[in-house]
All heavy atoms as atom14 arrays in JSON, in Angstrom:
{
  "sequence": "CEHIKCAPVDAIYIGDHQRDIECGRLAGMPTIAVGYGFTQSADEH",
  "atom14_mask": [
    [1, 1, 1, 1, 1, 1, 0, 0, 0, 0, 0, 0, 0, 0],
    [1, 1, 1, 1, 1, 1, 1, 1, 1, 0, 0, 0, 0, 0],
    [1, 1, 1, 1, 1, 1, 1, 1, 1, 1, 0, 0, 0, 0],
    [1, 1, 1, 1, 1, 1, 1, 1, 0, 0, 0, 0, 0, 0],
    [1, 1, 1, 1, 1, 1, 1, 1, 1, 0, 0, 0, 0, 0],
    [1, 1, 1, 1, 1, 1, 0, 0, 0, 0, 0, 0, 0, 0],
    [1, 1, 1, 1, 1, 0, 0, 0, 0, 0, 0, 0, 0, 0],
    [1, 1, 1, 1, 1, 1, 1, 0, 0, 0, 0, 0, 0, 0],
    [1, 1, 1, 1, 1, 1, 1, 0, 0, 0, 0, 0, 0, 0],
    [1, 1, 1, 1, 1, 1, 1, 1, 0, 0, 0, 0, 0, 0],
    [1, 1, 1, 1, 1, 0, 0, 0, 0, 0, 0, 0, 0, 0],
    [1, 1, 1, 1, 1, 1, 1, 1, 0, 0, 0, 0, 0, 0],
    [1, 1, 1, 1, 1, 1, 1, 1, 1, 1, 1, 1, 0, 0],
    [1, 1, 1, 1, 1, 1, 1, 1, 0, 0, 0, 0, 0, 0],
    [1, 1, 1, 1, 0, 0, 0, 0, 0, 0, 0, 0, 0, 0],
    [1, 1, 1, 1, 1, 1, 1, 1, 0, 0, 0, 0, 0, 0],
    [1, 1, 1, 1, 1, 1, 1, 1, 1, 1, 0, 0, 0, 0],
    [1, 1, 1, 1, 1, 1, 1, 1, 1, 0, 0, 0, 0, 0],
    [1, 1, 1, 1, 1, 1, 1, 1, 1, 1, 1, 0, 0, 0],
    [1, 1, 1, 1, 1, 1, 1, 1, 0, 0, 0, 0, 0, 0],
    [1, 1, 1, 1, 1, 1, 1, 1, 0, 0, 0, 0, 0, 0],
    [1, 1, 1, 1, 1, 1, 1, 1, 1, 0, 0, 0, 0, 0],
    [1, 1, 1, 1, 1, 1, 0, 0, 0, 0, 0, 0, 0, 0],
    [1, 1, 1, 1, 0, 0, 0, 0, 0, 0, 0, 0, 0, 0],
    [1, 1, 1, 1, 1, 1, 1, 1, 1, 1, 1, 0, 0, 0],
    [1, 1, 1, 1, 1, 1, 1, 1, 0, 0, 0, 0, 0, 0],
    [1, 1, 1, 1, 1, 0, 0, 0, 0, 0, 0, 0, 0, 0],
    [1, 1, 1, 1, 0, 0, 0, 0, 0, 0, 0, 0, 0, 0],
    [1, 1, 1, 1, 1, 1, 1, 1, 0, 0, 0, 0, 0, 0],
    [1, 1, 1, 1, 1, 1, 1, 0, 0, 0, 0, 0, 0, 0],
    [1, 1, 1, 1, 1, 1, 1, 0, 0, 0, 0, 0, 0, 0],
    [1, 1, 1, 1, 1, 1, 1, 1, 0, 0, 0, 0, 0, 0],
    [1, 1, 1, 1, 1, 0, 0, 0, 0, 0, 0, 0, 0, 0],
    [1, 1, 1, 1, 1, 1, 1, 0, 0, 0, 0, 0, 0, 0],
    [1, 1, 1, 1, 0, 0, 0, 0, 0, 0, 0, 0, 0, 0],
    [1, 1, 1, 1, 1, 1, 1, 1, 1, 1, 1, 1, 0, 0],
    [1, 1, 1, 1, 0, 0, 0, 0, 0, 0, 0, 0, 0, 0],
    [1, 1, 1, 1, 1, 1, 1, 1, 1, 1, 1, 0, 0, 0],
    [1, 1, 1, 1, 1, 1, 1, 0, 0, 0, 0, 0, 0, 0],
    [1, 1, 1, 1, 1, 1, 1, 1, 1, 0, 0, 0, 0, 0],
    [1, 1, 1, 1, 1, 1, 0, 0, 0, 0, 0, 0, 0, 0],
    [1, 1, 1, 1, 1, 0, 0, 0, 0, 0, 0, 0, 0, 0],
    [1, 1, 1, 1, 1, 1, 1, 1, 0, 0, 0, 0, 0, 0],
    [1, 1, 1, 1, 1, 1, 1, 1, 1, 0, 0, 0, 0, 0],
    [1, 1, 1, 1, 1, 1, 1, 1, 1, 1, 0, 0, 0, 0]
  ],
  "atom14_positions": [
    [[0.83, -1.21, 0.0], [0.0, 0.0, 0.0], [0.86, 1.26, 0.0], [0.53, 2.26, -0.65], [-0.94, 0.0, 1.2], [-2.27, -1.22, 1.08], [0.0, 0.0, 0.0], [0.0, 0.0, 0.0], [0.0, 0.0, 0.0], [0.0, 0.0, 0.0], [0.0, 0.0, 0.0], [0.0, 0.0, 0.0], [0.0, 0.0, 0.0], [0.0, 0.0, 0.0]],
    [[1.96, 1.2, 0.72], [2.88, 2.34, 0.75], [3.41, 2.63, -0.65], [3.48, 3.79, -1.08], [4.02, 2.04, 1.72], [5.04, 3.16, 1.87], [6.13, 2.78, 2.85], [5.85, 2.06, 3.81], [7.29, 3.22, 2.62], [0.0, 0.0, 0.0], [0.0, 0.0, 0.0], [0.0, 0.0, 0.0], [0.0, 0.0, 0.0], [0.0, 0.0, 0.0]],
    [[3.78, 1.59, -1.37], [4.31, 1.77, -2.73], [3.24, 2.23, -3.69], [3.51, 3.04, -4.59], [4.95, 0.47, -3.22], [6.34, 0.25, -2.73], [7.44, 0.35, -3.54], [6.82, -0.02, -1.5], [8.54, 0.13, -2.84], [8.19, -0.11, -1.6], [0.0, 0.0, 0.0], [0.0, 0.0, 0.0], [0.0, 0.0, 0.0], [0.0, 0.0, 0.0]],
    [[2.03, 1.72, -3.53], [0.92, 2.11, -4.41], [0.38, 3.49, -4.04], [-0.27, 4.14, -4.83], [-0.18, 1.03, -4.37], [0.35, -0.29, -4.95], [-1.43, 1.46, -5.13], [-0.56, -1.47, -4.7], [0.0, 0.0, 0.0], [0.0, 0.0, 0.0], [0.0, 0.0, 0.0], [0.0, 0.0, 0.0], [0.0, 0.0, 0.0], [0.0, 0.0, 0.0]],
    [[0.71, 3.91, -2.81], [0.23, 5.19, -2.29], [-1.28, 5.18, -2.09], [-2.01, 6.07, -2.55], [0.66, 6.36, -3.18], [2.16, 6.58, -3.2], [2.56, 7.76, -4.07], [4.02, 8.13, -3.88], [4.96, 7.01, -4.07], [0.0, 0.0, 0.0], [0.0, 0.0, 0.0], [0.0, 0.0, 0.0], [0.0, 0.0, 0.0], [0.0, 0.0, 0.0]],
    [[-1.73, 4.13, -1.4], [-3.14, 4.05, -1.04], [-3.26, 3.55, 0.4], [-2.34, 2.92, 0.93], [-3.89, 3.12, -1.99], [-3.57, 1.35, -1.77], [0.0, 0.0, 0.0], [0.0, 0.0, 0.0], [0.0, 0.0, 0.0], [0.0, 0.0, 0.0], [0.0, 0.0, 0.0], [0.0, 0.0, 0.0], [0.0, 0.0, 0.0], [0.0, 0.0, 0.0]],
    [[-4.37, 3.85, 1.02], [-4.64, 3.35, 2.36], [-5.05, 1.88, 2.27], [-5.65, 1.46, 1.27], [-5.76, 4.16, 3.01], [0.0, 0.0, 0.0], [0.0, 0.0, 0.0], [0.0, 0.0, 0.0], [0.0, 0.0, 0.0], [0.0, 0.0, 0.0], [0.0, 0.0, 0.0], [0.0, 0.0, 0.0], [0.0, 0.0, 0.0], [0.0, 0.0, 0.0]],
    [[-4.75, 1.08, 3.3], [-5.17, -0.33, 3.25], [-6.66, -0.52, 3.01], [-7.06, -1.46, 2.32], [-4.75, -0.85, 4.64], [-3.59, 0.0, 5.01], [-3.91, 1.37, 4.47], [0.0, 0.0, 0.0], [0.0, 0.0, 0.0], [0.0, 0.0, 0.0], [0.0, 0.0, 0.0], [0.0, 0.0, 0.0], [0.0, 0.0, 0.0], [0.0, 0.0, 0.0]],
    [[-7.47, 0.37, 3.54], [-8.91, 0.23, 3.37], [-9.33, 0.42, 1.91], [-10.42, 0.0, 1.5], [-9.66, 1.23, 4.28], [-9.52, 2.66, 3.79], [-11.12, 0.83, 4.43], [0.0, 0.0, 0.0], [0.0, 0.0, 0.0], [0.0, 0.0, 0.0], [0.0, 0.0, 0.0], [0.0, 0.0, 0.0], [0.0, 0.0, 0.0], [0.0, 0.0, 0.0]],
    [[-8.45, 1.0, 1.1], [-8.76, 1.24, -0.31], [-8.18, 0.15, -1.22], [-8.15, 0.31, -2.45], [-8.23, 2.6, -0.75], [-8.9, 3.73, 0.0], [-10.08, 3.58, 0.37], [-8.23, 4.76, 0.25], [0.0, 0.0, 0.0], [0.0, 0.0, 0.0], [0.0, 0.0, 0.0], [0.0, 0.0, 0.0], [0.0, 0.0, 0.0], [0.0, 0.0, 0.0]],
    [[-7.71, -0.93, -0.63], [-7.21, -2.09, -1.38], [-7.94, -3.34, -0.88], [-8.55, -3.34, 0.19], [-5.7, -2.24, -1.2], [0.0, 0.0, 0.0], [0.0, 0.0, 0.0], [0.0, 0.0, 0.0], [0.0, 0.0, 0.0], [0.0, 0.0, 0.0], [0.0, 0.0, 0.0], [0.0, 0.0, 0.0], [0.0, 0.0, 0.0], [0.0, 0.0, 0.0]],
    [[-7.86, -4.4, -1.66], [-8.43, -5.7, -1.27], [-7.35, -6.74, -1.41], [-6.61, -6.75, -2.41], [-9.63, -6.08, -2.16], [-10.76, -5.06, -2.04], [-10.16, -7.48, -1.8], [-11.93, -5.32, -3.01], [0.0, 0.0, 0.0], [0.0, 0.0, 0.0], [0.0, 0.0, 0.0], [0.0, 0.0, 0.0], [0.0, 0.0, 0.0], [0.0, 0.0, 0.0]],
    [[-7.25, -7.64, -0.41], [-6.32, -8.76, -0.53], [-7.1, -10.03, -0.8], [-8.11, -10.32, -0.15], [-5.48, -8.92, 0.74], [-4.36, -9.92, 0.56], [-3.52, -9.84, -0.55], [-4.14, -10.94, 1.47], [-2.49, -10.74, -0.74], [-3.1, -11.84, 1.3], [-2.29, -11.74, 0.19], [-1.27, -12.64, -0.01], [0.0, 0.0, 0.0], [0.0, 0.0, 0.0]],
    [[-6.61, -10.82, -1.75], [-7.29, -12.02, -2.23], [-6.38, -13.22, -2.0], [-5.21, -13.2, -2.41], [-7.62, -11.89, -3.73], [-8.44, -10.62, -4.0], [-8.38, -13.12, -4.22], [-8.63, -10.31, -5.47], [0.0, 0.0, 0.0], [0.0, 0.0, 0.0], [0.0, 0.0, 0.0], [0.0, 0.0, 0.0], [0.0, 0.0, 0.0], [0.0, 0.0, 0.0]],
    [[-6.89, -14.27, -1.34], [-6.07, -15.43, -1.07], [-6.85, -16.71, -0.89], [-8.07, -16.69, -0.69], [0.0, 0.0, 0.0], [0.0, 0.0, 0.0], [0.0, 0.0, 0.0], [0.0, 0.0, 0.0], [0.0, 0.0, 0.0], [0.0, 0.0, 0.0], [0.0, 0.0, 0.0], [0.0, 0.0, 0.0], [0.0, 0.0, 0.0], [0.0, 0.0, 0.0]],
    [[-6.13, -17.83, -0.95], [-6.77, -19.15, -0.86], [-6.41, -19.87, 0.43], [-6.62, -21.08, 0.55], [-6.37, -20.02, -2.06], [-4.95, -20.55, -1.96], [-4.04, -19.73, -1.68], [-4.75, -21.76, -2.15], [0.0, 0.0, 0.0], [0.0, 0.0, 0.0], [0.0, 0.0, 0.0], [0.0, 0.0, 0.0], [0.0, 0.0, 0.0], [0.0, 0.0, 0.0]],
    [[-5.86, -19.15, 1.41], [-5.45, -19.77, 2.67], [-5.88, -18.88, 3.83], [-5.93, -17.65, 3.69], [-3.93, -19.96, 2.69], [-3.44, -20.9, 3.73], [-3.33, -20.55, 5.06], [-3.01, -22.2, 3.65], [-2.86, -21.58, 5.76], [-2.67, -22.59, 4.92], [0.0, 0.0, 0.0], [0.0, 0.0, 0.0], [0.0, 0.0, 0.0], [0.0, 0.0, 0.0]],
    [[-6.16, -19.49, 4.95], [-6.61, -18.73, 6.11], [-5.6, -17.66, 6.54], [-5.96, -16.57, 6.98], [-6.91, -19.67, 7.28], [-7.57, -18.96, 8.46], [-8.1, -19.94, 9.49], [-7.89, -21.15, 9.39], [-8.81, -19.43, 10.47], [0.0, 0.0, 0.0], [0.0, 0.0, 0.0], [0.0, 0.0, 0.0], [0.0, 0.0, 0.0], [0.0, 0.0, 0.0]],
    [[-4.29, -17.95, 6.36], [-3.29, -16.95, 6.76], [-3.37, -15.71, 5.87], [-3.03, -14.61, 6.32], [-1.88, -17.53, 6.7], [-1.38, -17.87, 5.31], [0.09, -18.23, 5.26], [0.38, -18.83, 3.97], [0.36, -20.14, 3.73], [0.12, -20.99, 4.72], [0.61, -20.6, 2.53], [0.0, 0.0, 0.0], [0.0, 0.0, 0.0], [0.0, 0.0, 0.0]],
    [[-3.83, -15.87, 4.62], [-4.0, -14.71, 3.75], [-5.09, -13.79, 4.3], [-4.93, -12.56, 4.33], [-4.39, -15.15, 2.33], [-3.34, -16.02, 1.67], [-2.15, -15.76, 1.89], [-3.72, -16.94, 0.94], [0.0, 0.0, 0.0], [0.0, 0.0, 0.0], [0.0, 0.0, 0.0], [0.0, 0.0, 0.0], [0.0, 0.0, 0.0], [0.0, 0.0, 0.0]],
    [[-6.17, -14.38, 4.73], [-7.29, -13.59, 5.25], [-6.9, -12.95, 6.57], [-7.22, -11.78, 6.82], [-8.54, -14.48, 5.4], [-8.87, -15.15, 4.06], [-9.71, -13.66, 5.91], [-8.94, -14.22, 2.86], [0.0, 0.0, 0.0], [0.0, 0.0, 0.0], [0.0, 0.0, 0.0], [0.0, 0.0, 0.0], [0.0, 0.0, 0.0], [0.0, 0.0, 0.0]],
    [[-6.19, -13.67, 7.4], [-5.71, -13.1, 8.66], [-4.77, -11.94, 8.38], [-4.82, -10.89, 9.04], [-5.0, -14.16, 9.49], [-4.5, -13.66, 10.83], [-3.77, -14.71, 11.63], [-3.76, -15.89, 11.21], [-3.19, -14.36, 12.67], [0.0, 0.0, 0.0], [0.0, 0.0, 0.0], [0.0, 0.0, 0.0], [0.0, 0.0, 0.0], [0.0, 0.0, 0.0]],
    [[-3.9, -12.1, 7.4], [-2.96, -11.05, 7.03], [-3.7, -9.79, 6.59], [-3.38, -8.67, 7.02], [-2.06, -11.56, 5.9], [-0.82, -10.39, 5.33], [0.0, 0.0, 0.0], [0.0, 0.0, 0.0], [0.0, 0.0, 0.0], [0.0, 0.0, 0.0], [0.0, 0.0, 0.0], [0.0, 0.0, 0.0], [0.0, 0.0, 0.0], [0.0, 0.0, 0.0]],
    [[-4.7, -9.95, 5.72], [-5.47, -8.81, 5.27], [-6.19, -8.12, 6.42], [-6.23, -6.88, 6.5], [0.0, 0.0, 0.0], [0.0, 0.0, 0.0], [0.0, 0.0, 0.0], [0.0, 0.0, 0.0], [0.0, 0.0, 0.0], [0.0, 0.0, 0.0], [0.0, 0.0, 0.0], [0.0, 0.0, 0.0], [0.0, 0.0, 0.0], [0.0, 0.0, 0.0]],
    [[-6.75, -8.92, 7.31], [-7.47, -8.36, 8.46], [-6.53, -7.55, 9.34], [-6.85, -6.44, 9.78], [-8.12, -9.49, 9.25], [-9.07, -9.01, 10.34], [-9.64, -10.16, 11.14], [-10.31, -11.12, 10.28], [-9.92, -12.38, 10.12], [-8.86, -12.84, 10.74], [-10.61, -13.19, 9.34], [0.0, 0.0, 0.0], [0.0, 0.0, 0.0], [0.0, 0.0, 0.0]],
    [[-5.33, -8.09, 9.6], [-4.35, -7.39, 10.42], [-3.88, -6.09, 9.77], [-3.5, -5.14, 10.45], [-3.16, -8.29, 10.7], [-3.42, -9.48, 11.64], [-2.22, -10.43, 11.65], [-3.74, -9.01, 13.05], [0.0, 0.0, 0.0], [0.0, 0.0, 0.0], [0.0, 0.0, 0.0], [0.0, 0.0, 0.0], [0.0, 0.0, 0.0], [0.0, 0.0, 0.0]],
    [[-3.91, -6.06, 8.44], [-3.51, -4.85, 7.71], [-4.64, -3.83, 7.64], [-4.41, -2.71, 7.17], [-3.05, -5.23, 6.31], [0.0, 0.0, 0.0], [0.0, 0.0, 0.0], [0.0, 0.0, 0.0], [0.0, 0.0, 0.0], [0.0, 0.0, 0.0], [0.0, 0.0, 0.0], [0.0, 0.0, 0.0], [0.0, 0.0, 0.0], [0.0, 0.0, 0.0]],
    [[-5.83, -4.2, 8.08], [-6.96, -3.3, 7.97], [-7.55, -3.23, 6.58], [-8.09, -2.21, 6.17], [0.0, 0.0, 0.0], [0.0, 0.0, 0.0], [0.0, 0.0, 0.0], [0.0, 0.0, 0.0], [0.0, 0.0, 0.0], [0.0, 0.0, 0.0], [0.0, 0.0, 0.0], [0.0, 0.0, 0.0], [0.0, 0.0, 0.0], [0.0, 0.0, 0.0]],
    [[-7.49, -4.33, 5.87], [-7.84, -4.39, 4.46], [-9.02, -5.33, 4.24], [-9.08, -6.39, 4.85], [-6.61, -4.91, 3.7], [-6.66, -4.82, 2.2], [-5.07, -5.39, 1.49], [-3.98, -4.07, 2.04], [0.0, 0.0, 0.0], [0.0, 0.0, 0.0], [0.0, 0.0, 0.0], [0.0, 0.0, 0.0], [0.0, 0.0, 0.0], [0.0, 0.0, 0.0]],
    [[-9.98, -4.98, 3.39], [-11.0, -5.96, 3.0], [-10.34, -7.18, 2.35], [-9.27, -7.05, 1.74], [-11.87, -5.2, 2.0], [-11.57, -3.77, 2.21], [-10.16, -3.69, 2.7], [0.0, 0.0, 0.0], [0.0, 0.0, 0.0], [0.0, 0.0, 0.0], [0.0, 0.0, 0.0], [0.0, 0.0, 0.0], [0.0, 0.0, 0.0], [0.0, 0.0, 0.0]],
    [[-10.99, -8.33, 2.45], [-10.4, -9.57, 1.94], [-11.41, -10.37, 1.13], [-12.62, -10.28, 1.35], [-9.89, -10.45, 3.1], [-10.97, -10.68, 4.02], [-8.73, -9.79, 3.84], [0.0, 0.0, 0.0], [0.0, 0.0, 0.0], [0.0, 0.0, 0.0], [0.0, 0.0, 0.0], [0.0, 0.0, 0.0], [0.0, 0.0, 0.0], [0.0, 0.0, 0.0]],
    [[-10.87, -11.16, 0.2], [-11.68, -12.11, -0.55], [-11.01, -13.48, -0.42], [-9.86, -13.65, -0.82], [-11.81, -11.73, -2.04], [-12.51, -10.37, -2.19], [-12.59, -12.81, -2.79], [-12.6, -9.88, -3.63], [0.0, 0.0, 0.0], [0.0, 0.0, 0.0], [0.0, 0.0, 0.0], [0.0, 0.0, 0.0], [0.0, 0.0, 0.0], [0.0, 0.0, 0.0]],
    [[-11.73, -14.44, 0.13], [-11.24, -15.81, 0.23], [-11.74, -16.59, -0.97], [-12.93, -16.56, -1.29], [-11.75, -16.46, 1.52], [0.0, 0.0, 0.0], [0.0, 0.0, 0.0], [0.0, 0.0, 0.0], [0.0, 0.0, 0.0], [0.0, 0.0, 0.0], [0.0, 0.0, 0.0], [0.0, 0.0, 0.0], [0.0, 0.0, 0.0], [0.0, 0.0, 0.0]],
    [[-10.82, -17.28, -1.65], [-11.19, -18.01, -2.86], [-11.18, -19.52, -2.6], [-10.33, -20.04, -1.89], [-10.27, -17.66, -4.04], [-10.26, -16.15, -4.28], [-8.84, -18.15, -3.84], [0.0, 0.0, 0.0], [0.0, 0.0, 0.0], [0.0, 0.0, 0.0], [0.0, 0.0, 0.0], [0.0, 0.0, 0.0], [0.0, 0.0, 0.0], [0.0, 0.0, 0.0]],
    [[-12.16, -20.18, -3.19], [-12.29, -21.62, -3.02], [-11.82, -22.42, -4.2], [-11.9, -23.65, -4.2], [0.0, 0.0, 0.0], [0.0, 0.0, 0.0], [0.0, 0.0, 0.0], [0.0, 0.0, 0.0], [0.0, 0.0, 0.0], [0.0, 0.0, 0.0], [0.0, 0.0, 0.0], [0.0, 0.0, 0.0], [0.0, 0.0, 0.0], [0.0, 0.0, 0.0]],
    [[-11.3, -21.76, -5.23], [-10.85, -22.47, -6.43], [-9.4, -22.91, -6.36], [-8.9, -23.57, -7.26], [-11.08, -21.61, -7.67], [-10.38, -20.27, -7.66], [-9.01, -20.16, -7.89], [-11.09, -19.09, -7.41], [-8.37, -18.93, -7.88], [-10.46, -17.86, -7.4], [-9.1, -17.78, -7.63], [-8.47, -16.57, -7.61], [0.0, 0.0, 0.0], [0.0, 0.0, 0.0]],
    [[-8.7, -22.53, -5.3], [-7.27, -22.8, -5.21], [-6.94, -24.13, -4.57], [-7.43, -25.18, -5.01], [0.0, 0.0, 0.0], [0.0, 0.0, 0.0], [0.0, 0.0, 0.0], [0.0, 0.0, 0.0], [0.0, 0.0, 0.0], [0.0, 0.0, 0.0], [0.0, 0.0, 0.0], [0.0, 0.0, 0.0], [0.0, 0.0, 0.0], [0.0, 0.0, 0.0]],
    [[-6.15, -24.09, -3.5], [-5.61, -25.32, -2.92], [-6.16, -25.58, -1.53], [-5.45, -26.0, -0.61], [-4.08, -25.25, -2.88], [-3.44, -24.98, -4.21], [-2.32, -24.19, -4.3], [-3.98, -25.5, -5.37], [-1.72, -23.93, -5.53], [-3.4, -25.25, -6.61], [-2.27, -24.46, -6.69], [0.0, 0.0, 0.0], [0.0, 0.0, 0.0], [0.0, 0.0, 0.0]],
    [[-7.44, -25.3, -1.34], [-8.07, -25.53, -0.04], [-8.22, -27.02, 0.23], [-8.24, -27.84, -0.69], [-9.45, -24.85, 0.02], [-10.22, -25.24, -1.13], [-9.31, -23.34, 0.03], [0.0, 0.0, 0.0], [0.0, 0.0, 0.0], [0.0, 0.0, 0.0], [0.0, 0.0, 0.0], [0.0, 0.0, 0.0], [0.0, 0.0, 0.0], [0.0, 0.0, 0.0]],
    [[-8.37, -27.34, 1.5], [-8.5, -28.74, 1.91], [-9.91, -29.29, 1.65], [-10.08, -30.48, 1.46], [-8.18, -28.87, 3.41], [-6.78, -28.4, 3.79], [-5.71, -29.43, 3.45], [-5.92, -30.62, 3.57], [-4.56, -28.94, 3.01], [0.0, 0.0, 0.0], [0.0, 0.0, 0.0], [0.0, 0.0, 0.0], [0.0, 0.0, 0.0], [0.0, 0.0, 0.0]],
    [[-10.91, -28.4, 1.65], [-12.29, -28.83, 1.4], [-13.01, -27.76, 0.59], [-12.56, -26.61, 0.51], [-13.03, -29.09, 2.71], [-13.14, -27.89, 3.46], [0.0, 0.0, 0.0], [0.0, 0.0, 0.0], [0.0, 0.0, 0.0], [0.0, 0.0, 0.0], [0.0, 0.0, 0.0], [0.0, 0.0, 0.0], [0.0, 0.0, 0.0], [0.0, 0.0, 0.0]],
    [[-14.14, -28.13, 0.0], [-14.83, -27.25, -0.94], [-15.34, -25.97, -0.29], [-15.41, -24.92, -0.95], [-15.99, -28.01, -1.59], [0.0, 0.0, 0.0], [0.0, 0.0, 0.0], [0.0, 0.0, 0.0], [0.0, 0.0, 0.0], [0.0, 0.0, 0.0], [0.0, 0.0, 0.0], [0.0, 0.0, 0.0], [0.0, 0.0, 0.0], [0.0, 0.0, 0.0]],
    [[-15.7, -26.02, 1.0], [-16.28, -24.84, 1.64], [-15.37, -24.24, 2.71], [-15.79, -23.34, 3.44], [-17.64, -25.18, 2.25], [-17.53, -26.2, 3.39], [-16.45, -26.81, 3.54], [-18.52, -26.36, 4.11], [0.0, 0.0, 0.0], [0.0, 0.0, 0.0], [0.0, 0.0, 0.0], [0.0, 0.0, 0.0], [0.0, 0.0, 0.0], [0.0, 0.0, 0.0]],
    [[-14.14, -24.7, 2.79], [-13.22, -24.22, 3.82], [-13.07, -22.7, 3.8], [-13.04, -22.04, 4.84], [-11.85, -24.88, 3.63], [-10.79, -24.44, 4.64], [-9.43, -25.02, 4.3], [-9.32, -25.79, 3.32], [-8.47, -24.69, 5.02], [0.0, 0.0, 0.0], [0.0, 0.0, 0.0], [0.0, 0.0, 0.0], [0.0, 0.0, 0.0], [0.0, 0.0, 0.0]],
    [[-12.98, -22.13, 2.61], [-12.74, -20.7, 2.48], [-13.88, -19.84, 3.0], [-13.7, -18.66, 3.28], [-12.46, -20.34, 1.02], [-13.62, -20.59, 0.1], [-14.16, -21.84, -0.1], [-14.36, -19.73, -0.68], [-15.16, -21.76, -0.95], [-15.31, -20.49, -1.31], [0.0, 0.0, 0.0], [0.0, 0.0, 0.0], [0.0, 0.0, 0.0], [0.0, 0.0, 0.0]]
  ]
}
């Protein structure tokens, strides 16, 4: 966000693992969890 020159709230982080969503939350950023990647189950995300 610093490099893009935007606030975290003005970006979205997208990931296929719980740590991605935790990371986005800790950054103060909206998140999108995807189920098409390498999840352990179909609805885990």
